[in-house]
Amino acid sequence: MFLKNCWYVAAWDHEVTGEPLARTLLCEPVVLYRTEDGTAVALEDRCCHRALPLSMGKVVGGRLQCGYHGLEFDAGGACVRVPGQAHIPPGAMVWSYPVVERWKYIWIWMGDAALADEALIPNWWWFDHPEWELVKGKYLRLDCNYELITDNLLDLSHLSYVHLQTLGTTDITEFPIKTEREKDMIRMTRWIIDRPAPPMFQKLGNFSGTVDRWQIVETFSPCHTQILAGAIDTGTIDPAKGEPVAGMHIRSLNAPTPETETSTFYFFGHARDFALGDEQVSADLFKMVSQTFDEDVVILEAQQKMLDREPDRPLIDINVDAPGLAARQMLRRDIEAERG
């Protein structure tokens, strides 16, 4: 069902505080909180005594206290106090998950803790760099499978039909895509040459005439997708040389984390290399991106309802599906290898 031995985003950094945060990840109940020194912790959200969710308790002195009988658990999941007795029963512990705080996210490893390797976390340095401005995305929980989100990100032809008020123009599909398959990454590239900028780019980049723009989408197993997008005045770039240094650049970093088979927490943010420190630009970007993603929610949840209604009914594929199909094949390969 899910790839376990990999990193997922469990929460934004600001979501995890000194109060327990309950979250279901990959169908597993998890509770997140911070110790007194600010370290993020993730434990199984189930007391080993009488199975009450630990998220219904509170943090006391850096320990998570069960709200039923007061048992306290340390950051490693071990029970360290049982009120009314000195003896800690054998096996009094809950599962502890490896976590890393990086790029404004709390990353969690849901599989074998001995295999957790921080080097496998995507290098999304744009989220924490002085030459880039980060706009965090809004909280989104979708009633759809997480792979539908990856499909959606790798197929930006839908911008012409779903997002004409923000990121879309009617001419996107005039320009073909290029699909590249690497061992652990799928890349979709599209160059849109000498066409009007979409509404969001017009507002943020002050483009009045036509532009050359690019969409470079890279997806890594299991479900992490980075979009390198931007625009520049027409006639100043060579697509054969890749993304230009000049122009406006936006990085859309996307981490949909499965809650269940048919529901997903969608963590995303956008970094830009222009108008740094301009609060109005940040507010405009947040507003337009939020509108765009709200439109996606409607599409993806309606799609999931139809798939649930007739799960075995076949679908046809068209050219723009190639990157998404390749990403699904990559994920299936990794899940099968993990199980094997």
Protein backbone atom coordinates (compact mmCIF):
# COMPACT_ATOMS: atom_id res chain seq x y z
CA MET A 1 0.00 0.00 0.00
CA PHE A 2 2.71 2.48 1.03
CA LEU A 3 6.47 2.75 0.85
CA LYS A 4 7.61 2.74 4.49
CA ASN A 5 11.39 3.10 4.44
CA CYS A 6 11.51 6.69 3.30
CA TRP A 7 10.84 10.19 4.62
CA TYR A 8 7.41 11.82 4.61
CA VAL A 9 6.39 15.25 5.83
CA ALA A 10 4.43 14.92 9.05
CA ALA A 11 3.81 18.61 9.67
CA TRP A 12 5.00 22.14 9.12
CA ASP A 13 7.47 23.24 11.79
CA HIS A 14 4.99 25.76 13.23
CA GLU A 15 2.34 23.07 13.72
CA VAL A 16 4.38 21.11 16.26
CA THR A 17 4.43 22.80 19.67
CA GLY A 18 4.45 21.92 23.35
CA GLU A 19 0.90 20.58 22.94
CA PRO A 20 0.23 17.12 21.48
CA LEU A 21 -0.73 17.06 17.81
CA ALA A 22 -2.62 14.00 16.58
CA ARG A 23 -2.12 12.95 12.98
CA THR A 24 -2.79 9.73 11.09
CA LEU A 25 0.05 8.96 8.69
CA LEU A 26 0.07 5.93 6.37
CA CYS A 27 -2.94 4.63 8.34
CA GLU A 28 -0.92 4.76 11.58
CA PRO A 29 -1.91 7.00 14.54
CA VAL A 30 0.95 9.36 15.42
CA VAL A 31 1.29 12.08 18.03
CA LEU A 32 3.80 14.90 17.60
CA TYR A 33 5.06 17.39 20.18
CA ARG A 34 8.16 19.29 21.27
CA THR A 35 10.28 18.71 24.36
CA GLU A 36 11.42 21.55 26.61
CA ASP A 37 14.45 22.26 24.42
CA GLY A 38 12.29 22.47 21.29
CA THR A 39 13.15 19.06 19.85
CA ALA A 40 10.34 17.56 17.77
CA VAL A 41 9.17 14.07 18.80
CA ALA A 42 6.84 11.58 17.11
CA LEU A 43 5.33 8.66 19.04
CA GLU A 44 2.69 6.06 18.46
CA ASP A 45 -0.61 7.66 19.47
CA ARG A 46 -1.73 4.80 21.68
CA CYS A 47 -0.96 4.29 25.35
CA CYS A 48 0.39 0.81 26.08
CA HIS A 49 -1.72 0.65 29.26
CA ARG A 50 -5.34 0.99 28.14
CA ALA A 51 -4.94 2.21 24.55
CA LEU A 52 -6.13 5.79 24.99
CA PRO A 53 -4.65 8.09 22.32
CA LEU A 54 -1.71 9.86 23.94
CA SER A 55 -2.67 12.99 22.02
CA MET A 56 -5.52 13.33 24.53
CA GLY A 57 -2.94 13.90 27.26
CA LYS A 58 -0.41 16.69 27.75
CA VAL A 59 3.31 17.38 27.75
CA VAL A 60 4.79 17.58 31.25
CA GLY A 61 8.46 18.38 31.70
CA GLY A 62 9.25 17.28 28.16
CA ARG A 63 7.43 13.96 28.63
CA LEU A 64 4.11 12.97 27.12
CA GLN A 65 1.60 12.19 29.85
CA CYS A 66 -1.38 9.95 29.14
CA GLY A 67 -4.69 11.65 29.86
CA TYR A 68 -6.23 8.52 31.40
CA HIS A 69 -3.94 7.28 34.19
CA GLY A 70 -0.98 9.66 33.96
CA LEU A 71 1.70 7.31 32.61
CA GLU A 72 4.57 9.35 31.19
CA PHE A 73 6.67 8.54 28.12
CA ASP A 74 10.01 9.97 27.07
CA ALA A 75 11.07 10.96 23.56
CA GLY A 76 12.19 7.39 22.86
CA GLY A 77 8.76 5.99 23.70
CA ALA A 78 9.76 4.40 27.02
CA CYS A 79 7.40 4.69 29.96
CA VAL A 80 9.39 6.46 32.69
CA ARG A 81 6.70 7.05 35.30
CA VAL A 82 3.60 5.25 36.54
CA PRO A 83 1.74 7.30 39.18
CA GLY A 84 1.33 5.45 42.46
CA GLN A 85 4.07 2.87 41.94
CA ALA A 86 7.86 2.79 41.65
CA HIS A 87 8.05 -0.22 39.37
CA ILE A 88 7.73 0.25 35.60
CA PRO A 89 6.10 -2.86 34.08
CA PRO A 90 8.18 -4.76 31.50
CA GLY A 91 7.35 -3.74 27.95
CA ALA A 92 5.85 -0.43 29.02
CA MET A 93 6.65 1.57 25.91
CA VAL A 94 5.19 2.91 22.70
CA TRP A 95 6.68 3.11 19.24
CA SER A 96 8.96 6.06 18.53
CA TYR A 97 9.52 7.34 14.99
CA PRO A 98 12.69 9.03 13.72
CA VAL A 99 12.06 12.69 12.93
CA VAL A 100 14.17 15.42 11.36
CA GLU A 101 13.34 19.12 11.22
CA ARG A 102 14.49 20.54 7.91
CA TRP A 103 13.31 23.03 5.27
CA LYS A 104 10.53 24.25 7.61
CA TYR A 105 9.07 20.73 7.71
CA ILE A 106 8.99 17.95 10.29
CA TRP A 107 10.04 14.81 8.39
CA ILE A 108 9.11 11.37 9.73
CA TRP A 109 10.40 7.88 8.91
CA MET A 110 7.54 5.38 9.22
CA GLY A 111 9.53 2.22 8.46
CA ASP A 112 12.53 0.46 9.99
CA ALA A 113 14.20 3.06 12.23
CA ALA A 114 17.59 1.46 11.70
CA LEU A 115 17.40 2.39 8.02
CA ALA A 116 16.54 6.06 8.55
CA ASP A 117 19.07 8.12 6.61
CA GLU A 118 18.84 11.92 6.73
CA ALA A 119 20.67 12.11 3.40
CA LEU A 120 17.50 10.79 1.74
CA ILE A 121 15.52 13.93 2.62
CA PRO A 122 14.98 16.02 -0.53
CA ASN A 123 17.41 18.93 -0.85
CA TRP A 124 14.83 21.69 -0.82
CA TRP A 125 17.31 24.39 0.19
CA TRP A 126 15.20 27.10 -1.45
CA PHE A 127 12.98 27.03 1.64
CA ASP A 128 15.81 28.16 3.90
CA HIS A 129 18.08 30.43 1.87
CA PRO A 130 18.56 34.22 2.16
CA GLU A 131 18.30 34.71 -1.61
CA TRP A 132 14.86 33.09 -1.74
CA GLU A 133 11.58 34.10 -0.09
CA LEU A 134 9.32 31.34 1.22
CA VAL A 135 5.53 31.48 1.22
CA LYS A 136 4.13 28.53 3.16
CA GLY A 137 1.05 26.85 1.78
CA LYS A 138 -2.28 26.67 3.57
CA TYR A 139 -3.37 23.58 5.49
CA LEU A 140 -4.91 21.05 3.14
CA ARG A 141 -6.39 17.64 3.82
CA LEU A 142 -7.85 16.00 0.74
CA ASP A 143 -10.23 13.08 0.40
CA CYS A 144 -8.18 11.46 -2.34
CA ASN A 145 -5.29 9.06 -2.77
CA TYR A 146 -1.90 10.76 -2.66
CA GLU A 147 -0.87 9.42 -6.09
CA LEU A 148 -3.62 11.47 -7.72
CA ILE A 149 -1.81 14.58 -6.45
CA THR A 150 1.44 13.43 -8.04
CA ASP A 151 -0.41 12.76 -11.30
CA ASN A 152 -1.85 16.26 -11.14
CA LEU A 153 1.54 17.90 -10.58
CA LEU A 154 3.19 16.02 -13.43
CA ASP A 155 0.40 16.92 -15.86
CA LEU A 156 0.28 20.72 -16.03
CA SER A 157 -1.84 20.71 -19.18
CA HIS A 158 -4.81 20.94 -16.83
CA LEU A 159 -3.82 24.55 -16.09
CA SER A 160 -5.55 25.50 -19.36
CA TYR A 161 -8.88 24.24 -18.04
CA VAL A 162 -8.83 24.45 -14.25
CA HIS A 163 -6.62 27.46 -13.44
CA LEU A 164 -7.21 30.14 -16.09
CA GLN A 165 -7.58 32.80 -13.38
CA THR A 166 -4.12 32.17 -11.93
CA LEU A 167 -1.55 29.91 -13.60
CA GLY A 168 -3.23 28.84 -16.80
CA THR A 169 -3.40 30.10 -20.37
CA THR A 170 -5.30 28.53 -23.24
CA ASP A 171 -2.16 27.83 -25.27
CA ILE A 172 -0.27 25.49 -22.93
CA THR A 173 -1.23 22.34 -24.78
CA GLU A 174 0.22 23.73 -28.02
CA PHE A 175 3.65 22.93 -26.63
CA PRO A 176 4.68 19.27 -26.20
CA ILE A 177 6.20 17.81 -23.07
CA LYS A 178 9.41 15.88 -22.67
CA THR A 179 9.48 12.96 -20.25
CA GLU A 180 12.78 11.78 -18.74
CA ARG A 181 13.18 8.73 -16.53
CA GLU A 182 16.09 8.40 -14.13
CA LYS A 183 16.62 5.73 -11.48
CA ASP A 184 14.91 7.60 -8.66
CA MET A 185 13.30 10.56 -10.43
CA ILE A 186 10.84 11.37 -13.21
CA ARG A 187 11.10 14.72 -15.01
CA MET A 188 8.53 16.50 -17.17
CA THR A 189 9.67 19.57 -19.13
CA ARG A 190 7.62 21.98 -21.20
CA TRP A 191 8.76 25.26 -22.82
CA ILE A 192 6.05 27.78 -23.72
CA ILE A 193 7.54 30.27 -26.15
CA ASP A 194 6.30 33.73 -27.11
CA ARG A 195 2.92 33.58 -25.42
CA PRO A 196 1.12 35.88 -22.95
CA ALA A 197 2.02 35.33 -19.32
CA PRO A 198 -0.65 33.77 -17.07
CA PRO A 199 -2.46 36.11 -14.65
CA MET A 200 -0.24 35.24 -11.67
CA PHE A 201 2.95 35.93 -13.60
CA GLN A 202 1.53 39.18 -14.97
CA LYS A 203 0.83 40.41 -11.47
CA LEU A 204 3.99 39.17 -9.76
CA GLY A 205 6.46 39.77 -12.60
CA ASN A 206 4.86 42.85 -14.15
CA PHE A 207 4.91 41.23 -17.61
CA SER A 208 2.83 43.17 -20.14
CA GLY A 209 3.88 41.53 -23.41
CA THR A 210 4.59 37.96 -24.38
CA VAL A 211 7.06 35.82 -22.46
CA ASP A 212 9.02 32.63 -22.73
CA ARG A 213 8.34 30.42 -19.75
CA TRP A 214 9.15 26.97 -18.52
CA GLN A 215 7.65 24.17 -16.46
CA ILE A 216 10.14 21.63 -15.15
CA VAL A 217 8.52 19.11 -12.82
CA GLU A 218 10.63 16.53 -11.00
CA THR A 219 9.08 13.78 -8.88
CA PHE A 220 11.02 11.57 -6.47
CA SER A 221 9.75 8.38 -4.86
CA PRO A 222 7.48 8.07 -3.02
CA CYS A 223 5.66 11.38 -3.65
CA HIS A 224 7.92 14.44 -3.43
CA THR A 225 7.61 16.83 -6.34
CA GLN A 226 9.49 20.03 -7.09
CA ILE A 227 8.35 22.40 -9.82
CA LEU A 228 10.89 24.79 -11.32
CA ALA A 229 8.84 27.45 -13.06
CA GLY A 230 9.53 30.90 -14.35
CA ALA A 231 9.31 33.42 -17.16
CA ILE A 232 11.38 35.97 -19.05
CA ASP A 233 10.72 38.41 -21.86
CA THR A 234 10.37 36.65 -25.19
CA GLY A 235 13.43 36.02 -27.29
CA THR A 236 16.09 35.91 -24.57
CA ILE A 237 16.43 32.20 -23.78
CA ASP A 238 17.53 28.98 -25.41
CA PRO A 239 15.47 25.97 -24.20
CA ALA A 240 18.34 23.67 -25.15
CA LYS A 241 20.40 25.23 -22.35
CA GLY A 242 17.76 24.64 -19.68
CA GLU A 243 16.37 27.04 -17.10
CA PRO A 244 17.91 30.52 -17.57
CA VAL A 245 19.61 32.47 -14.80
CA ALA A 246 17.71 35.65 -15.68
CA GLY A 247 13.97 36.21 -15.34
CA MET A 248 11.61 35.39 -12.48
CA HIS A 249 11.92 32.00 -10.82
CA ILE A 250 9.47 30.15 -8.57
CA ARG A 251 10.03 26.86 -6.79
CA SER A 252 6.90 24.93 -5.89
CA LEU A 253 7.80 22.16 -3.45
CA ASN A 254 5.11 19.56 -2.84
CA ALA A 255 4.94 16.76 -0.28
CA PRO A 256 1.60 14.92 -0.17
CA THR A 257 1.64 12.50 2.76
CA PRO A 258 -0.90 9.66 2.83
CA GLU A 259 -3.30 9.71 5.75
CA THR A 260 -5.18 6.64 4.51
CA GLU A 261 -5.64 4.97 1.13
CA THR A 262 -8.16 7.64 0.15
CA SER A 263 -7.10 10.72 2.13
CA THR A 264 -3.96 12.84 2.12
CA PHE A 265 -2.28 15.70 3.95
CA TYR A 266 -0.89 18.02 1.31
CA PHE A 267 2.13 20.06 2.37
CA PHE A 268 3.37 22.62 -0.14
CA GLY A 269 5.13 25.94 -0.31
CA HIS A 270 6.52 28.34 -2.87
CA ALA A 271 9.89 30.05 -2.91
CA ARG A 272 10.78 32.98 -5.19
CA ASP A 273 13.96 34.86 -6.04
CA PHE A 274 12.36 38.25 -6.69
CA ALA A 275 10.69 40.97 -4.59
CA LEU A 276 12.44 39.66 -1.49
CA GLY A 277 10.95 41.09 1.68
CA ASP A 278 7.92 42.51 -0.13
CA GLU A 279 5.00 41.51 2.07
CA GLN A 280 2.42 42.48 -0.55
CA VAL A 281 4.00 40.18 -3.12
CA SER A 282 4.00 37.37 -0.54
CA ALA A 283 0.34 38.03 0.25
CA ASP A 284 -0.57 38.06 -3.45
CA LEU A 285 1.35 34.84 -4.06
CA PHE A 286 -0.33 33.13 -1.11
CA LYS A 287 -3.78 34.25 -2.27
CA MET A 288 -3.35 33.13 -5.87
CA VAL A 289 -1.67 29.85 -5.01
CA SER A 290 -4.39 29.11 -2.45
CA GLN A 291 -7.04 29.72 -5.10
CA THR A 292 -5.19 27.42 -7.49
CA PHE A 293 -4.88 24.59 -4.99
CA ASP A 294 -8.49 24.95 -3.84
CA GLU A 295 -9.48 24.41 -7.46
CA ASP A 296 -7.33 21.28 -7.52
CA VAL A 297 -9.06 19.98 -4.38
CA VAL A 298 -12.43 20.04 -6.12
CA ILE A 299 -11.06 18.14 -9.11
CA LEU A 300 -9.10 15.53 -7.14
CA GLU A 301 -11.84 14.73 -4.63
CA ALA A 302 -14.44 14.39 -7.40
CA GLN A 303 -12.03 12.13 -9.28
CA GLN A 304 -11.57 9.93 -6.19
CA LYS A 305 -15.33 9.57 -5.75
CA MET A 306 -15.68 8.27 -9.31
CA LEU A 307 -12.74 5.89 -8.86
CA ASP A 308 -14.27 4.56 -5.63
CA ARG A 309 -17.59 4.03 -7.37
CA GLU A 310 -16.09 1.75 -10.05
CA PRO A 311 -12.55 0.90 -8.96
CA ASP A 312 -12.03 -1.79 -11.58
CA ARG A 313 -13.24 0.21 -14.56
CA PRO A 314 -10.32 0.84 -16.94
CA LEU A 315 -9.08 4.30 -17.90
CA ILE A 316 -7.51 5.42 -21.15
CA ASP A 317 -4.15 7.19 -21.30
CA ILE A 318 -3.07 10.16 -23.44
CA ASN A 319 0.36 11.66 -24.15
CA VAL A 320 0.43 14.01 -21.16
CA ASP A 321 -0.03 11.03 -18.82
CA ALA A 322 3.46 9.69 -19.56
CA PRO A 323 5.25 11.35 -16.59
CA GLY A 324 2.55 10.32 -14.12
CA LEU A 325 2.52 6.75 -15.35
CA ALA A 326 6.30 6.62 -15.06
CA ALA A 327 6.11 7.94 -11.49
CA ARG A 328 3.60 5.25 -10.58
CA GLN A 329 5.86 2.58 -12.06
CA MET A 330 8.79 3.94 -10.05
CA LEU A 331 6.79 3.82 -6.83
CA ARG A 332 5.51 0.28 -7.51
CA ARG A 333 9.08 -0.85 -8.14
CA ASP A 334 10.21 0.59 -4.81
CA ILE A 335 7.30 -0.88 -2.85
CA GLU A 336 7.89 -4.32 -4.36
CA ALA A 337 11.61 -4.11 -3.59
CA GLU A 338 10.85 -3.16 0.02
CA ARG A 339 8.44 -6.04 0.46
CA GLY A 340 10.74 -8.47 -1.31
